[in-house]
Amino acid sequence: MGKGTQFKELDLLDWKLHISFSPESTITRASRKLKINSEVGLYFDGQNTEINLFFQNRREMERDLNIFLRESDGFLENEIWRVRRSIVKRFEYVELIKSLLEIPSFVLISIWIRDGIFHTQFIFNSSQSNKASDIILGKLSTIEEGKLEYVGPNNGFAGILDEIDQRCELSIAQFELLPPKKEMEMPENPMGDHWYRILKKPYGTDPIRGVYIMSEKPSKAEVMTEVIKDSVYEATTDNAFLSYFVSEMHVKRIPTIAAFQKLDKPVFNLWIVFPSLFRNEILKIASDAREDLPNWHPSLKSLASFKEIFN
């Protein structure tokens, strides 16, 4: 198998949407003035929204940066500053992101802030482009600070990750698991014995909502949305190990770029894509998961940079 070919199924999400938003806020002012450029974790649950960003510790911390960190609930761990901001009022841009994620096959693949501008990128199947257009024309056009940067074909999943890797070095961890028998049956697994799945929103602790790429018809058709007949579907399920892992990444303020899985019953593989700065912390989470969820029998199969896997 060639480098990176295990991810070729995700090339069915063949289009990209890139939008940006430049509101006046504490974070955008700090980004411009203090040169804080970061991948962003966006967590939303009901009406609660939280933004997380990070940057490496600096040898000299100017006064304005110390003030920003104090006001933003920032904390330093492993020489990485993590910043959390809660959004307490209605945020039109977040509502736009939520609307786009309601479109079948839409996956939130990256949010980042640079020079005071939030950028957001999705990948999706081109069959849903008309639905994307409806939301772009109906909602994005009403947001004064919102801007459409690009919508159209992408360069494949590897090309998407390469774009992110250019601004933030990425690593990919692969874990192999043998889940408990009940996790492979209804209702936890309504999609059958063989599938590939990527999470639509790799943040938060909601039930697992994913885009499935199938080689066979799902076992329980009523729980899924068909995107491409006998090929691409969408469904919401539960997965104790994955929920544990993503929740712990949230606690540590580690932005998740992507989380995708492959089931060839009984073997379940999980890949997590994340900024390389957090390698040791990902291993610590995996170690804790092994202790807390021993009946999943997790083992680390590989941990490598994006470049090592795809180049």
Protein backbone atom coordinates (compact mmCIF):
# COMPACT_ATOMS: atom_id res chain seq x y z
CA MET A 1 0.00 0.00 0.00
CA GLY A 2 1.42 3.39 -1.00
CA LYS A 3 1.87 6.26 1.41
CA GLY A 4 -1.42 7.79 2.45
CA THR A 5 -3.50 5.46 0.28
CA GLN A 6 -5.50 4.29 3.32
CA PHE A 7 -7.24 7.67 3.20
CA LYS A 8 -8.23 7.62 -0.47
CA GLU A 9 -11.89 6.90 0.39
CA LEU A 10 -12.16 10.44 1.74
CA ASP A 11 -11.51 11.82 -1.75
CA LEU A 12 -15.26 11.27 -2.36
CA LEU A 13 -15.63 14.50 -0.35
CA ASP A 14 -14.41 16.23 -3.46
CA TRP A 15 -15.41 19.88 -2.95
CA LYS A 16 -14.19 22.56 -0.57
CA LEU A 17 -15.84 25.61 0.96
CA HIS A 18 -13.66 28.32 2.53
CA ILE A 19 -15.30 31.25 4.31
CA SER A 20 -13.86 33.94 6.56
CA PHE A 21 -15.08 36.31 9.26
CA SER A 22 -13.35 39.40 10.66
CA PRO A 23 -15.33 40.78 13.62
CA GLU A 24 -13.91 43.28 16.11
CA SER A 25 -13.30 41.29 19.29
CA THR A 26 -10.69 40.73 22.00
CA ILE A 27 -9.31 37.73 20.12
CA THR A 28 -9.12 39.36 16.68
CA ARG A 29 -7.45 42.46 18.13
CA ALA A 30 -4.95 40.27 19.99
CA SER A 31 -4.29 38.24 16.83
CA ARG A 32 -3.40 41.40 14.90
CA LYS A 33 -1.49 43.24 17.61
CA LEU A 34 0.29 40.32 19.29
CA LYS A 35 0.80 38.17 16.17
CA ILE A 36 -1.27 35.26 17.49
CA ASN A 37 -1.97 32.93 14.58
CA SER A 38 -3.45 29.58 15.49
CA GLU A 39 -5.60 26.63 14.56
CA VAL A 40 -8.87 27.04 16.46
CA GLY A 41 -11.06 24.60 18.32
CA LEU A 42 -14.73 25.62 18.10
CA TYR A 43 -17.00 23.83 20.57
CA PHE A 44 -20.75 24.36 20.58
CA ASP A 45 -23.44 22.60 22.54
CA GLY A 46 -26.91 24.11 22.36
CA GLN A 47 -26.55 27.83 23.03
CA ASN A 48 -23.05 27.52 24.52
CA THR A 49 -20.09 28.27 22.27
CA GLU A 50 -16.40 28.19 23.12
CA ILE A 51 -13.34 29.14 21.09
CA ASN A 52 -9.91 27.65 21.89
CA LEU A 53 -6.55 28.61 20.42
CA PHE A 54 -2.91 27.98 21.26
CA PHE A 55 0.63 29.24 20.71
CA GLN A 56 4.10 28.29 21.92
CA ASN A 57 5.50 29.99 25.00
CA ARG A 58 7.51 33.11 24.24
CA ARG A 59 10.81 33.99 25.86
CA GLU A 60 9.71 37.57 26.33
CA MET A 61 6.05 38.15 27.20
CA GLU A 62 4.98 41.73 26.54
CA ARG A 63 2.56 43.43 28.93
CA ASP A 64 -0.40 43.38 26.51
CA LEU A 65 0.01 39.65 25.94
CA ASN A 66 -0.01 38.97 29.69
CA ILE A 67 -3.21 41.01 30.04
CA PHE A 68 -4.85 39.11 27.17
CA LEU A 69 -3.92 35.74 28.67
CA ARG A 70 -5.22 36.72 32.10
CA GLU A 71 -8.53 37.94 30.67
CA SER A 72 -8.90 34.89 28.40
CA ASP A 73 -8.49 32.13 30.98
CA GLY A 74 -5.15 31.24 29.40
CA PHE A 75 -2.92 28.61 30.95
CA LEU A 76 0.54 27.28 30.18
CA GLU A 77 1.17 23.54 29.95
CA ASN A 78 4.13 21.81 28.30
CA GLU A 79 5.37 25.19 27.05
CA ILE A 80 2.13 25.74 25.11
CA TRP A 81 -0.30 28.53 25.96
CA ARG A 82 -3.96 27.53 25.63
CA VAL A 83 -6.64 30.21 25.46
CA ARG A 84 -10.37 29.71 25.93
CA ARG A 85 -13.08 32.27 25.20
CA SER A 86 -16.78 31.66 25.78
CA ILE A 87 -19.26 33.38 23.49
CA VAL A 88 -22.25 34.43 25.56
CA LYS A 89 -24.26 36.22 22.89
CA ARG A 90 -25.66 35.04 19.58
CA PHE A 91 -22.82 34.66 17.12
CA GLU A 92 -24.07 34.78 13.51
CA TYR A 93 -20.94 33.14 12.15
CA VAL A 94 -21.37 30.15 14.48
CA GLU A 95 -25.01 29.88 13.39
CA LEU A 96 -23.80 29.82 9.79
CA ILE A 97 -21.36 26.99 10.58
CA LYS A 98 -24.15 25.02 12.27
CA SER A 99 -26.40 25.50 9.22
CA LEU A 100 -23.69 24.26 6.85
CA LEU A 101 -23.09 21.19 9.02
CA GLU A 102 -26.76 20.28 8.58
CA ILE A 103 -26.04 19.64 4.89
CA PRO A 104 -25.42 15.91 4.23
CA SER A 105 -21.71 15.07 3.74
CA PHE A 106 -20.47 18.45 5.07
CA VAL A 107 -17.37 18.05 7.28
CA LEU A 108 -15.74 20.87 9.25
CA ILE A 109 -12.07 20.27 8.47
CA SER A 110 -10.30 23.38 9.78
CA ILE A 111 -10.77 26.68 11.60
CA TRP A 112 -7.85 29.05 12.06
CA ILE A 113 -7.18 32.69 12.91
CA ARG A 114 -4.56 34.76 11.14
CA ASP A 115 -4.02 38.53 11.28
CA GLY A 116 -7.34 38.99 13.07
CA ILE A 117 -9.42 37.00 10.57
CA PHE A 118 -11.18 33.71 11.36
CA HIS A 119 -11.06 31.24 8.47
CA THR A 120 -13.28 28.17 8.24
CA GLN A 121 -13.00 25.32 5.77
CA PHE A 122 -15.36 22.46 4.96
CA ILE A 123 -15.12 19.48 2.63
CA PHE A 124 -18.20 17.82 1.13
CA ASN A 125 -19.51 15.79 -1.77
CA SER A 126 -20.17 17.87 -4.87
CA SER A 127 -23.72 16.48 -5.13
CA GLN A 128 -24.61 18.86 -2.26
CA SER A 129 -23.31 22.04 -3.91
CA ASN A 130 -26.81 23.46 -4.54
CA LYS A 131 -27.67 23.19 -0.83
CA ALA A 132 -24.39 24.91 0.01
CA SER A 133 -25.23 27.66 -2.45
CA ASP A 134 -28.61 28.24 -0.80
CA ILE A 135 -26.98 28.86 2.58
CA ILE A 136 -24.13 30.95 1.19
CA LEU A 137 -26.51 33.22 -0.71
CA GLY A 138 -29.15 33.26 2.02
CA LYS A 139 -27.02 33.61 5.18
CA LEU A 140 -23.38 34.47 4.47
CA SER A 141 -24.42 37.48 2.41
CA THR A 142 -26.21 38.93 5.47
CA ILE A 143 -23.13 38.82 7.73
CA GLU A 144 -21.35 42.13 7.34
CA GLU A 145 -17.89 40.80 8.25
CA GLY A 146 -18.37 37.48 6.42
CA LYS A 147 -16.67 36.65 3.14
CA LEU A 148 -16.72 33.75 0.68
CA GLU A 149 -13.08 32.88 -0.09
CA TYR A 150 -13.60 29.80 -2.28
CA VAL A 151 -16.11 27.13 -3.20
CA GLY A 152 -15.35 24.43 -5.75
CA PRO A 153 -13.32 21.26 -6.35
CA ASN A 154 -10.55 20.40 -3.91
CA ASN A 155 -7.26 18.54 -4.42
CA GLY A 156 -8.26 15.45 -2.46
CA PHE A 157 -8.04 14.76 1.26
CA ALA A 158 -4.23 14.70 1.19
CA GLY A 159 -4.26 18.07 -0.56
CA ILE A 160 -6.53 19.54 2.12
CA LEU A 161 -4.24 18.33 4.91
CA ASP A 162 -1.21 19.61 3.02
CA GLU A 163 -2.73 23.13 2.99
CA ILE A 164 -3.15 22.97 6.77
CA ASP A 165 0.32 21.50 7.27
CA GLN A 166 1.82 24.50 5.46
CA ARG A 167 0.74 26.80 8.31
CA CYS A 168 0.70 24.31 11.23
CA GLU A 169 2.76 21.12 11.27
CA LEU A 170 0.41 18.15 11.57
CA SER A 171 0.78 14.66 12.99
CA ILE A 172 -1.48 11.65 12.55
CA ALA A 173 -1.93 8.99 15.24
CA GLN A 174 -3.45 5.61 14.36
CA PHE A 175 -4.95 3.31 16.97
CA GLU A 176 -6.21 -0.23 16.43
CA LEU A 177 -8.99 -1.48 18.70
CA LEU A 178 -11.04 -4.61 19.30
CA PRO A 179 -14.32 -3.11 20.58
CA PRO A 180 -16.72 -4.89 22.95
CA LYS A 181 -19.23 -7.04 21.07
CA LYS A 182 -22.18 -4.74 21.88
CA GLU A 183 -20.38 -1.81 20.21
CA MET A 184 -20.49 -3.69 16.92
CA GLU A 185 -24.24 -4.28 17.10
CA MET A 186 -27.40 -2.15 17.12
CA PRO A 187 -27.84 0.65 18.07
CA GLU A 188 -24.15 1.57 18.45
CA ASN A 189 -23.30 0.29 14.96
CA PRO A 190 -26.26 0.47 12.56
CA MET A 191 -24.08 0.69 9.45
CA GLY A 192 -22.79 -2.85 9.01
CA ASP A 193 -19.46 -4.66 9.29
CA HIS A 194 -17.32 -2.66 6.85
CA TRP A 195 -17.21 1.12 6.60
CA TYR A 196 -15.09 4.25 6.64
CA ARG A 197 -16.25 7.27 8.65
CA ILE A 198 -15.13 10.85 9.23
CA LEU A 199 -16.66 13.00 11.95
CA LYS A 200 -18.62 15.99 10.68
CA LYS A 201 -17.52 18.09 13.66
CA PRO A 202 -14.40 16.84 15.46
CA TYR A 203 -15.06 18.95 18.57
CA GLY A 204 -17.30 18.53 21.60
CA THR A 205 -18.93 15.54 23.26
CA ASP A 206 -22.15 15.14 21.24
CA PRO A 207 -23.17 11.70 19.88
CA ILE A 208 -20.98 10.67 16.97
CA ARG A 209 -22.26 12.29 13.79
CA GLY A 210 -20.31 11.13 10.80
CA VAL A 211 -20.12 10.77 7.05
CA TYR A 212 -19.84 7.08 6.09
CA ILE A 213 -18.18 5.77 2.96
CA MET A 214 -19.51 2.30 2.32
CA SER A 215 -18.71 -0.71 0.20
CA GLU A 216 -22.08 -2.30 1.03
CA LYS A 217 -25.62 -1.16 1.87
CA PRO A 218 -26.07 -0.11 5.54
CA SER A 219 -27.71 -2.62 7.87
CA LYS A 220 -30.41 -0.24 9.10
CA ALA A 221 -31.45 2.16 6.36
CA GLU A 222 -33.87 4.24 8.48
CA VAL A 223 -31.10 5.68 10.69
CA MET A 224 -29.06 7.17 7.88
CA THR A 225 -29.23 9.82 5.16
CA GLU A 226 -28.18 8.74 1.69
CA VAL A 227 -25.83 11.13 -0.12
CA ILE A 228 -24.69 8.91 -2.99
CA LYS A 229 -26.58 5.64 -3.53
CA ASP A 230 -24.75 2.63 -2.08
CA SER A 231 -21.65 4.73 -1.41
CA VAL A 232 -21.88 7.80 0.87
CA TYR A 233 -24.22 8.12 3.85
CA GLU A 234 -24.61 10.14 7.02
CA ALA A 235 -25.69 8.87 10.44
CA THR A 236 -25.54 9.59 14.18
CA THR A 237 -24.34 6.84 16.54
CA ASP A 238 -22.44 6.35 19.81
CA ASN A 239 -18.86 5.25 20.37
CA ALA A 240 -17.50 5.25 23.92
CA PHE A 241 -13.80 5.21 22.97
CA LEU A 242 -14.02 7.97 20.39
CA SER A 243 -16.16 10.15 22.69
CA TYR A 244 -13.61 9.65 25.48
CA PHE A 245 -10.71 10.64 23.23
CA VAL A 246 -12.33 13.75 21.76
CA SER A 247 -13.59 14.86 25.19
CA GLU A 248 -10.09 14.61 26.68
CA MET A 249 -8.66 16.60 23.77
CA HIS A 250 -11.24 19.29 24.56
CA VAL A 251 -10.22 19.36 28.23
CA LYS A 252 -6.57 19.80 27.20
CA ARG A 253 -7.54 22.49 24.64
CA ILE A 254 -6.04 20.47 21.78
CA PRO A 255 -7.59 21.39 18.41
CA THR A 256 -8.68 18.32 16.46
CA ILE A 257 -8.16 18.75 12.72
CA ALA A 258 -9.92 15.52 11.77
CA ALA A 259 -11.03 12.24 13.30
CA PHE A 260 -11.79 9.30 11.01
CA GLN A 261 -12.29 5.60 11.51
CA LYS A 262 -12.42 2.35 9.61
CA LEU A 263 -14.28 -0.81 10.61
CA ASP A 264 -13.41 -4.21 9.21
CA LYS A 265 -15.24 -6.27 11.81
CA PRO A 266 -13.99 -7.04 14.39
CA VAL A 267 -11.05 -4.62 13.96
CA PHE A 268 -11.70 -0.90 14.43
CA ASN A 269 -9.06 1.67 13.42
CA LEU A 270 -9.04 5.29 14.57
CA TRP A 271 -6.95 8.12 13.13
CA ILE A 272 -6.61 11.49 14.85
CA VAL A 273 -5.09 14.46 12.96
CA PHE A 274 -3.73 17.18 15.25
CA PRO A 275 -1.01 19.87 15.56
CA SER A 276 2.36 18.18 16.13
CA LEU A 277 3.07 20.32 19.19
CA PHE A 278 0.65 18.09 21.13
CA ARG A 279 2.22 14.69 20.34
CA ASN A 280 3.14 13.82 23.94
CA GLU A 281 -0.30 14.82 25.18
CA ILE A 282 -2.04 12.64 22.61
CA LEU A 283 0.02 9.70 23.83
CA LYS A 284 -0.97 10.52 27.43
CA ILE A 285 -4.67 10.54 26.46
CA ALA A 286 -4.22 7.20 24.69
CA SER A 287 -2.49 5.78 27.77
CA ASP A 288 -5.35 6.96 30.02
CA ALA A 289 -7.91 5.50 27.59
CA ARG A 290 -6.15 2.16 27.76
CA GLU A 291 -6.51 2.20 31.54
CA ASP A 292 -10.09 3.51 31.61
CA LEU A 293 -11.49 1.49 28.67
CA PRO A 294 -9.51 -1.77 28.75
CA ASN A 295 -12.32 -3.73 27.06
CA TRP A 296 -11.57 -1.84 23.84
CA HIS A 297 -8.01 -3.30 23.75
CA PRO A 298 -6.44 -0.16 22.18
CA SER A 299 -2.96 -0.30 20.68
CA LEU A 300 -0.91 2.42 18.99
CA LYS A 301 -0.19 1.40 15.38
CA SER A 302 1.61 4.53 14.17
CA LEU A 303 2.42 8.13 15.03
CA ALA A 304 4.00 10.20 12.29
CA SER A 305 4.02 13.64 10.77
CA PHE A 306 1.80 14.39 7.79
CA LYS A 307 4.90 14.70 5.60
CA GLU A 308 6.19 11.28 6.67
CA ILE A 309 2.89 9.65 5.72
CA PHE A 310 2.10 11.45 2.48
CA ASN A 311 5.48 12.43 1.02
